[in-house]
C-alpha atoms as a PDB file:
ATOM      1  CA  MET A   1     121.326 139.410  66.206  1.00  0.00           C
ATOM      2  CA  SER A   2     123.354 136.692  67.461  1.00  0.00           C
ATOM      3  CA  GLY A   3     123.873 134.694  70.935  1.00  0.00           C
ATOM      4  CA  ASP A   4     127.380 135.568  71.141  1.00  0.00           C
ATOM      5  CA  LEU A   5     127.874 137.207  74.440  1.00  0.00           C
ATOM      6  CA  SER A   6     131.642 139.466  75.269  1.00  0.00           C
ATOM      7  CA  ILE A   7     132.565 140.694  78.615  1.00  0.00           C
ATOM      8  CA  ARG A   8     135.486 142.522  79.194  1.00  0.00           C
ATOM      9  CA  GLY A   9     137.542 143.641  82.260  1.00  0.00           C
ATOM     10  CA  LEU A  10     133.706 143.463  84.344  1.00  0.00           C
ATOM     11  CA  LYS A  11     134.014 144.994  88.285  1.00  0.00           C
ATOM     12  CA  LYS A  12     131.275 145.955  90.306  1.00  0.00           C
ATOM     13  CA  VAL A  13     131.859 147.758  93.730  1.00  0.00           C
ATOM     14  CA  PHE A  14     128.441 147.482  96.226  1.00  0.00           C
ATOM     15  CA  LYS A  15     128.868 150.857  98.178  1.00  0.00           C
ATOM     16  CA  THR A  16     127.157 151.034 102.088  1.00  0.00           C
ATOM     17  CA  LYS A  17     127.387 153.683 104.483  1.00  0.00           C
ATOM     18  CA  ASP A  18     130.730 152.740 105.614  1.00  0.00           C
ATOM     19  CA  ASP A  19     132.209 150.505 103.457  1.00  0.00           C
ATOM     20  CA  GLU A  20     132.667 149.199  99.720  1.00  0.00           C
ATOM     21  CA  VAL A  21     132.869 145.628  98.613  1.00  0.00           C
ATOM     22  CA  VAL A  22     134.596 144.630  95.004  1.00  0.00           C
ATOM     23  CA  ALA A  23     132.535 142.000  94.125  1.00  0.00           C
ATOM     24  CA  ILE A  24     133.752 141.019  90.868  1.00  0.00           C
ATOM     25  CA  ASP A  25     136.849 142.130  89.529  1.00  0.00           C
ATOM     26  CA  ASP A  26     138.712 142.008  85.949  1.00  0.00           C
ATOM     27  CA  PHE A  27     135.964 139.354  84.524  1.00  0.00           C
ATOM     28  CA  THR A  28     136.477 139.225  81.221  1.00  0.00           C
ATOM     29  CA  LEU A  29     134.754 136.221  79.337  1.00  0.00           C
ATOM     30  CA  ASP A  30     133.449 135.154  76.013  1.00  0.00           C
ATOM     31  CA  VAL A  31     130.704 132.519  75.223  1.00  0.00           C
ATOM     32  CA  LYS A  32     129.852 131.812  71.514  1.00  0.00           C
ATOM     33  CA  GLN A  33     126.466 131.283  69.705  1.00  0.00           C
ATOM     34  CA  GLY A  34     125.154 127.777  70.836  1.00  0.00           C
ATOM     35  CA  GLU A  35     127.806 127.006  74.004  1.00  0.00           C
ATOM     36  CA  LEU A  36     126.285 125.983  77.371  1.00  0.00           C
ATOM     37  CA  VAL A  37     128.713 127.882  80.010  1.00  0.00           C
ATOM     38  CA  SER A  38     128.458 127.169  83.534  1.00  0.00           C
ATOM     39  CA  LEU A  39     129.695 129.643  86.628  1.00  0.00           C
ATOM     40  CA  LEU A  40     130.931 127.570  89.419  1.00  0.00           C
ATOM     41  CA  GLY A  41     133.313 129.667  92.825  1.00  0.00           C
ATOM     42  CA  PRO A  42     132.692 129.633  96.255  1.00  0.00           C
ATOM     43  CA  SER A  43     129.370 131.189  97.657  1.00  0.00           C
ATOM     44  CA  GLY A  44     128.989 134.320  97.756  1.00  0.00           C
ATOM     45  CA  CYS A  45     132.023 134.776  95.252  1.00  0.00           C
ATOM     46  CA  GLY A  46     129.534 137.106  92.240  1.00  0.00           C
ATOM     47  CA  LYS A  47     128.270 134.510  90.394  1.00  0.00           C
ATOM     48  CA  THR A  48     124.783 135.433  90.491  1.00  0.00           C
ATOM     49  CA  THR A  49     125.576 138.732  90.387  1.00  0.00           C
ATOM     50  CA  ILE A  50     127.755 138.689  87.157  1.00  0.00           C
ATOM     51  CA  LEU A  51     124.179 136.751  85.661  1.00  0.00           C
ATOM     52  CA  ARG A  52     122.759 140.118  87.088  1.00  0.00           C
ATOM     53  CA  LEU A  53     124.903 142.576  85.347  1.00  0.00           C
ATOM     54  CA  VAL A  54     124.996 140.608  81.662  1.00  0.00           C
ATOM     55  CA  ALA A  55     120.829 140.610  82.321  1.00  0.00           C
ATOM     56  CA  GLY A  56     120.731 144.509  82.592  1.00  0.00           C
ATOM     57  CA  LEU A  57     119.559 143.988  86.088  1.00  0.00           C
ATOM     58  CA  SER A  58     122.357 146.125  87.399  1.00  0.00           C
ATOM     59  CA  GLU A  59     124.673 148.262  85.992  1.00  0.00           C
ATOM     60  CA  PRO A  60     128.683 147.657  85.516  1.00  0.00           C
ATOM     61  CA  THR A  61     130.821 149.953  88.037  1.00  0.00           C
ATOM     62  CA  ALA A  62     133.666 148.987  85.488  1.00  0.00           C
ATOM     63  CA  GLY A  63     133.924 147.429  81.951  1.00  0.00           C
ATOM     64  CA  GLU A  64     130.803 146.085  79.673  1.00  0.00           C
ATOM     65  CA  ILE A  65     129.122 143.521  77.976  1.00  0.00           C
ATOM     66  CA  LEU A  66     127.943 143.091  74.810  1.00  0.00           C
ATOM     67  CA  LEU A  67     125.411 140.795  73.419  1.00  0.00           C
ATOM     68  CA  GLY A  68     125.997 140.076  69.643  1.00  0.00           C
ATOM     69  CA  GLY A  69     127.630 143.351  69.398  1.00  0.00           C
ATOM     70  CA  LYS A  70     125.615 145.202  71.014  1.00  0.00           C
ATOM     71  CA  LYS A  71     126.248 146.978  74.371  1.00  0.00           C
ATOM     72  CA  VAL A  72     123.889 145.224  77.498  1.00  0.00           C
ATOM     73  CA  SER A  73     122.848 149.251  78.777  1.00  0.00           C
ATOM     74  CA  GLY A  74     119.761 147.353  80.248  1.00  0.00           C
ATOM     75  CA  PRO A  75     116.592 144.608  80.700  1.00  0.00           C
ATOM     76  CA  GLY A  76     115.689 143.634  77.575  1.00  0.00           C
ATOM     77  CA  ALA A  77     114.001 140.794  75.381  1.00  0.00           C
ATOM     78  CA  ASP A  78     117.249 139.025  74.452  1.00  0.00           C
ATOM     79  CA  ARG A  79     117.822 137.877  77.312  1.00  0.00           C
ATOM     80  CA  GLY A  80     115.736 135.366  79.524  1.00  0.00           C
ATOM     81  CA  MET A  81     116.383 134.696  82.923  1.00  0.00           C
ATOM     82  CA  ILE A  82     115.702 131.702  85.009  1.00  0.00           C
ATOM     83  CA  PHE A  83     115.802 131.633  88.558  1.00  0.00           C
ATOM     84  CA  GLN A  84     116.323 128.953  91.360  1.00  0.00           C
ATOM     85  CA  GLU A  85     112.802 130.096  92.684  1.00  0.00           C
ATOM     86  CA  PHE A  86     110.306 129.550  90.118  1.00  0.00           C
ATOM     87  CA  ALA A  87     108.836 133.288  89.550  1.00  0.00           C
ATOM     88  CA  LEU A  88     105.962 131.972  88.374  1.00  0.00           C
ATOM     89  CA  PHE A  89     102.423 133.834  88.897  1.00  0.00           C
ATOM     90  CA  PRO A  90     100.441 131.330  90.744  1.00  0.00           C
ATOM     91  CA  TRP A  91      97.067 132.787  90.032  1.00  0.00           C
ATOM     92  CA  ARG A  92      97.610 132.201  86.021  1.00  0.00           C
ATOM     93  CA  SER A  93      97.199 128.999  84.009  1.00  0.00           C
ATOM     94  CA  VAL A  94     100.822 127.047  82.837  1.00  0.00           C
ATOM     95  CA  ARG A  95      99.167 128.523  79.457  1.00  0.00           C
ATOM     96  CA  LYS A  96      99.808 132.258  80.408  1.00  0.00           C
ATOM     97  CA  ASN A  97     102.182 132.350  82.514  1.00  0.00           C
ATOM     98  CA  ILE A  98     104.001 131.067  79.550  1.00  0.00           C
ATOM     99  CA  GLU A  99     102.353 134.010  77.585  1.00  0.00           C
ATOM    100  CA  PHE A 100     102.921 136.863  79.795  1.00  0.00           C
ATOM    101  CA  GLY A 101     106.105 137.695  77.908  1.00  0.00           C
ATOM    102  CA  LEU A 102     103.777 137.682  74.931  1.00  0.00           C
ATOM    103  CA  GLU A 103     100.949 139.729  76.024  1.00  0.00           C
ATOM    104  CA  ILE A 104     103.399 142.535  77.086  1.00  0.00           C
ATOM    105  CA  ALA A 105     104.818 142.526  73.924  1.00  0.00           C
ATOM    106  CA  GLY A 106     101.482 143.199  72.411  1.00  0.00           C
ATOM    107  CA  ILE A 107     101.830 139.739  69.822  1.00  0.00           C
ATOM    108  CA  PRO A 108      98.669 138.998  69.069  1.00  0.00           C
ATOM    109  CA  LYS A 109      96.268 136.262  71.143  1.00  0.00           C
ATOM    110  CA  ALA A 110      96.496 133.789  67.814  1.00  0.00           C
ATOM    111  CA  GLU A 111      99.936 133.574  67.674  1.00  0.00           C
ATOM    112  CA  ARG A 112     100.710 133.989  71.669  1.00  0.00           C
ATOM    113  CA  ARG A 113      98.580 130.468  71.653  1.00  0.00           C
ATOM    114  CA  GLN A 114     100.323 129.028  68.856  1.00  0.00           C
ATOM    115  CA  ARG A 115     103.612 130.055  70.229  1.00  0.00           C
ATOM    116  CA  SER A 116     102.728 128.682  73.946  1.00  0.00           C
ATOM    117  CA  GLN A 117     101.366 125.992  72.502  1.00  0.00           C
ATOM    118  CA  PHE A 118     104.572 124.895  70.826  1.00  0.00           C
ATOM    119  CA  PHE A 119     107.277 125.475  74.094  1.00  0.00           C
ATOM    120  CA  LEU A 120     104.460 123.035  75.964  1.00  0.00           C
ATOM    121  CA  ASP A 121     105.002 120.622  73.497  1.00  0.00           C
ATOM    122  CA  MET A 122     109.024 120.911  73.617  1.00  0.00           C
ATOM    123  CA  VAL A 123     109.039 120.958  77.440  1.00  0.00           C
ATOM    124  CA  GLY A 124     106.014 118.054  78.130  1.00  0.00           C
ATOM    125  CA  LEU A 125     103.408 120.114  79.712  1.00  0.00           C
ATOM    126  CA  GLU A 126     100.749 119.927  76.990  1.00  0.00           C
ATOM    127  CA  ARG A 127      98.595 118.265  78.910  1.00  0.00           C
ATOM    128  CA  PHE A 128      98.518 120.771  81.982  1.00  0.00           C
ATOM    129  CA  ALA A 129      98.252 123.755  79.905  1.00  0.00           C
ATOM    130  CA  ASP A 130      95.421 124.678  82.167  1.00  0.00           C
ATOM    131  CA  ALA A 131      95.889 123.511  85.257  1.00  0.00           C
ATOM    132  CA  ARG A 132      97.447 125.983  88.487  1.00  0.00           C
ATOM    133  CA  ILE A 133     100.747 126.258  89.471  1.00  0.00           C
ATOM    134  CA  HIS A 134     100.073 125.062  92.633  1.00  0.00           C
ATOM    135  CA  GLU A 135      99.240 121.592  91.119  1.00  0.00           C
ATOM    136  CA  LEU A 136     102.610 120.920  89.620  1.00  0.00           C
ATOM    137  CA  SER A 137     105.595 119.680  91.058  1.00  0.00           C
ATOM    138  CA  GLY A 138     108.711 121.200  91.392  1.00  0.00           C
ATOM    139  CA  GLY A 139     109.855 120.003  88.403  1.00  0.00           C
ATOM    140  CA  MET A 140     107.296 120.857  86.202  1.00  0.00           C
ATOM    141  CA  LYS A 141     107.266 124.584  87.361  1.00  0.00           C
ATOM    142  CA  GLN A 142     110.801 124.366  86.694  1.00  0.00           C
ATOM    143  CA  ARG A 143     109.539 123.178  82.660  1.00  0.00           C
ATOM    144  CA  VAL A 144     107.015 126.082  82.637  1.00  0.00           C
ATOM    145  CA  GLY A 145     109.717 128.796  83.401  1.00  0.00           C
ATOM    146  CA  ILE A 146     112.367 127.833  81.038  1.00  0.00           C
ATOM    147  CA  ALA A 147     109.416 127.679  78.499  1.00  0.00           C
ATOM    148  CA  ARG A 148     108.334 131.017  79.688  1.00  0.00           C
ATOM    149  CA  ALA A 149     111.700 132.219  79.120  1.00  0.00           C
ATOM    150  CA  LEU A 150     112.019 130.659  75.614  1.00  0.00           C
ATOM    151  CA  ALA A 151     108.957 131.699  74.067  1.00  0.00           C
ATOM    152  CA  ASN A 152     110.491 135.151  74.570  1.00  0.00           C
ATOM    153  CA  ASP A 153     112.914 133.860  71.915  1.00  0.00           C
ATOM    154  CA  PRO A 154     115.866 135.324  73.330  1.00  0.00           C
ATOM    155  CA  GLU A 155     119.196 134.935  72.196  1.00  0.00           C
ATOM    156  CA  ILE A 156     121.046 134.173  75.638  1.00  0.00           C
ATOM    157  CA  LEU A 157     119.427 132.133  78.940  1.00  0.00           C
ATOM    158  CA  LEU A 158     120.496 133.335  82.113  1.00  0.00           C
ATOM    159  CA  MET A 159     119.827 130.213  84.466  1.00  0.00           C
ATOM    160  CA  ASP A 160     121.359 131.084  88.404  1.00  0.00           C
ATOM    161  CA  GLU A 161     120.541 127.268  89.791  1.00  0.00           C
ATOM    162  CA  PRO A 162     117.596 126.998  87.816  1.00  0.00           C
ATOM    163  CA  PHE A 163     117.582 122.563  89.086  1.00  0.00           C
ATOM    164  CA  GLY A 164     119.054 124.166  92.769  1.00  0.00           C
ATOM    165  CA  ALA A 165     115.941 123.176  94.703  1.00  0.00           C
ATOM    166  CA  LEU A 166     114.758 120.085  93.089  1.00  0.00           C
ATOM    167  CA  ASP A 167     115.246 116.555  94.794  1.00  0.00           C
ATOM    168  CA  ALA A 168     118.372 114.503  92.992  1.00  0.00           C
ATOM    169  CA  GLN A 169     116.175 112.359  90.610  1.00  0.00           C
ATOM    170  CA  THR A 170     114.268 114.843  89.323  1.00  0.00           C
ATOM    171  CA  ARG A 171     117.356 117.387  88.698  1.00  0.00           C
ATOM    172  CA  ASN A 172     119.245 114.862  86.756  1.00  0.00           C
ATOM    173  CA  ILE A 173     115.748 114.306  84.720  1.00  0.00           C
ATOM    174  CA  MET A 174     115.380 118.351  84.103  1.00  0.00           C
ATOM    175  CA  GLN A 175     119.160 118.047  83.290  1.00  0.00           C
ATOM    176  CA  LYS A 176     118.228 115.538  80.535  1.00  0.00           C
ATOM    177  CA  GLU A 177     115.774 117.334  79.575  1.00  0.00           C
ATOM    178  CA  LEU A 178     117.805 120.676  79.272  1.00  0.00           C
ATOM    179  CA  LEU A 179     120.177 118.992  76.754  1.00  0.00           C
ATOM    180  CA  LYS A 180     117.300 118.028  74.770  1.00  0.00           C
ATOM    181  CA  ILE A 181     115.587 121.704  74.610  1.00  0.00           C
ATOM    182  CA  MET A 182     119.223 123.007  74.068  1.00  0.00           C
ATOM    183  CA  GLU A 183     119.517 120.692  70.281  1.00  0.00           C
ATOM    184  CA  LYS A 184     116.002 121.720  69.405  1.00  0.00           C
ATOM    185  CA  THR A 185     116.937 125.651  70.086  1.00  0.00           C
ATOM    186  CA  GLU A 186     120.693 126.167  69.979  1.00  0.00           C
ATOM    187  CA  LYS A 187     120.323 128.668  72.714  1.00  0.00           C
ATOM    188  CA  THR A 188     123.485 130.315  74.410  1.00  0.00           C
ATOM    189  CA  ILE A 189     123.294 129.419  78.112  1.00  0.00           C
ATOM    190  CA  LEU A 190     125.557 130.641  81.018  1.00  0.00           C
ATOM    191  CA  PHE A 191     124.641 128.876  83.399  1.00  0.00           C
ATOM    192  CA  VAL A 192     125.029 129.423  87.803  1.00  0.00           C
ATOM    193  CA  THR A 193     125.461 126.056  89.079  1.00  0.00           C
ATOM    194  CA  HIS A 194     126.871 124.731  93.128  1.00  0.00           C
ATOM    195  CA  SER A 195     126.943 121.508  91.843  1.00  0.00           C
ATOM    196  CA  VAL A 196     129.947 119.972  89.956  1.00  0.00           C
ATOM    197  CA  ASP A 197     128.932 117.094  88.844  1.00  0.00           C
ATOM    198  CA  GLU A 198     125.875 119.255  86.918  1.00  0.00           C
ATOM    199  CA  ALA A 199     128.912 121.803  85.508  1.00  0.00           C
ATOM    200  CA  VAL A 200     130.755 118.634  84.120  1.00  0.00           C
ATOM    201  CA  TYR A 201     127.481 116.604  82.935  1.00  0.00           C
ATOM    202  CA  LEU A 202     125.883 119.782  81.107  1.00  0.00           C
ATOM    203  CA  SER A 203     128.739 122.292  79.863  1.00  0.00           C
ATOM    204  CA  ASP A 204     130.935 122.887  76.969  1.00  0.00           C
ATOM    205  CA  ARG A 205     132.971 125.300  79.151  1.00  0.00           C
ATOM    206  CA  VAL A 206     133.165 125.291  83.398  1.00  0.00           C
ATOM    207  CA  VAL A 207     134.214 128.886  84.464  1.00  0.00           C
ATOM    208  CA  VAL A 208     136.204 128.416  88.032  1.00  0.00           C
ATOM    209  CA  LEU A 209     135.950 131.869  89.894  1.00  0.00           C
ATOM    210  CA  THR A 210     137.634 132.885  92.532  1.00  0.00           C
ATOM    211  CA  LYS A 211     136.391 133.620  95.863  1.00  0.00           C
ATOM    212  CA  ARG A 212     135.529 137.265  96.889  1.00  0.00           C
ATOM    213  CA  PRO A 213     136.525 139.615  94.718  1.00  0.00           C
ATOM    214  CA  ALA A 214     135.792 136.791  91.933  1.00  0.00           C
ATOM    215  CA  HIS A 215     137.622 137.044  88.371  1.00  0.00           C
ATOM    216  CA  ILE A 216     138.332 133.278  86.456  1.00  0.00           C
ATOM    217  CA  LYS A 217     140.679 131.105  87.959  1.00  0.00           C
ATOM    218  CA  GLU A 218     140.630 128.430  84.831  1.00  0.00           C
ATOM    219  CA  ILE A 219     138.479 127.937  82.300  1.00  0.00           C
ATOM    220  CA  ILE A 220     138.263 123.795  81.730  1.00  0.00           C
ATOM    221  CA  GLU A 221     136.702 122.515  78.347  1.00  0.00           C
ATOM    222  CA  VAL A 222     134.605 119.795  78.686  1.00  0.00           C
ATOM    223  CA  PRO A 223     135.480 117.547  75.333  1.00  0.00           C
ATOM    224  CA  TRP A 224     133.289 114.947  75.315  1.00  0.00           C
ATOM    225  CA  PRO A 225     130.127 114.734  72.767  1.00  0.00           C
ATOM    226  CA  ARG A 226     126.492 115.073  75.411  1.00  0.00           C
ATOM    227  CA  PRO A 227     124.767 113.261  76.682  1.00  0.00           C
ATOM    228  CA  ARG A 228     127.759 111.620  78.640  1.00  0.00           C
ATOM    229  CA  ASP A 229     128.118 109.058  81.063  1.00  0.00           C
ATOM    230  CA  ARG A 230     128.781 110.586  84.641  1.00  0.00           C
ATOM    231  CA  ALA A 231     130.687 107.499  85.932  1.00  0.00           C
ATOM    232  CA  ALA A 232     133.011 107.430  83.193  1.00  0.00           C
ATOM    233  CA  PRO A 233     136.560 107.429  84.793  1.00  0.00           C
ATOM    234  CA  GLU A 234     138.058 110.817  82.648  1.00  0.00           C
ATOM    235  CA  VAL A 235     134.123 112.929  84.187  1.00  0.00           C
ATOM    236  CA  ALA A 236     134.885 111.558  87.588  1.00  0.00           C
ATOM    237  CA  ALA A 237     138.928 112.732  86.803  1.00  0.00           C
ATOM    238  CA  MET A 238     137.556 116.443  85.638  1.00  0.00           C
ATOM    239  CA  ARG A 239     135.036 116.533  88.373  1.00  0.00           C
ATOM    240  CA  LYS A 240     137.728 115.855  91.234  1.00  0.00           C
ATOM    241  CA  LYS A 241     140.386 118.607  89.371  1.00  0.00           C
ATOM    242  CA  ILE A 242     138.040 120.794  89.549  1.00  0.00           C
ATOM    243  CA  LEU A 243     136.295 120.204  92.927  1.00  0.00           C
ATOM    244  CA  ARG A 244     140.623 120.498  94.309  1.00  0.00           C
ATOM    245  CA  GLU A 245     140.586 123.967  92.515  1.00  0.00           C
ATOM    246  CA  LEU A 246     137.318 125.063  94.617  1.00  0.00           C
ATOM    247  CA  GLU A 247     138.472 123.250  97.659  1.00  0.00           C
ATOM    248  CA  GLU A 248     141.628 125.940  97.235  1.00  0.00           C
ATOM    249  CA  GLU A 249     139.946 128.887  97.066  1.00  0.00           C
ATOM    250  CA  ASN A 250     137.626 127.815 100.240  1.00  0.00           C
ATOM    251  CA  VAL A 251     140.745 127.248 102.213  1.00  0.00           C
ATOM    252  CA  MET A 252     142.309 130.447 101.431  1.00  0.00           C
ATOM    253  CA  ASP A 253     139.248 132.237 102.460  1.00  0.00           C
ATOM    254  CA  ASN A 254     139.581 130.684 106.270  1.00  0.00           C
END
């Protein structure tokens, strides 16, 4: 299976006792193997809902999602989800957190150890393999979350504001670390963020969403090779363009 993602005519309606809310409507997007595509839009427009639908944690009201040509019909090991909240097990060591999915899958202990060591080295946590989660900084905790997702060898990583809870300096460091991991693993990544700077720095393409019900307003290709100079005039101009698109949606919502 490949990491090609195809989303066709996606719609999601949430029903309450007295009403129904259309969160996403007519959302169509293709993400190629090895691409990092960011979703940007007004708060509450449905970005996380899209990730949850791709993850199989929620069912679409209409439309379909294909990963590697196979229809998504529920959660699966071919998708790895990384949240803003670290979602780690505090009673387990760093290594045991990384090995959790492998244990569930019945992978033998020796192979679990080998694979966890590989990803500990990749994310720079080899000296903290036996540490407890409370002993780690925020950036280190998120590295554990990324390593745990990668250890299961998913076709695609679904990242929901993974660096949103970090301070600015740590966030910049983690963005650079993610680019290194991308280069080594060639994973497909669908990335939700509220930061225009982060989207332009990381992405191959930035998908700008409308206010709810979310559909695609514009897809902006980021043509420059990585790593990018955040201060370059052309990068600043793209950030300004995207901010203007988002501001238009916020004005329309008021």
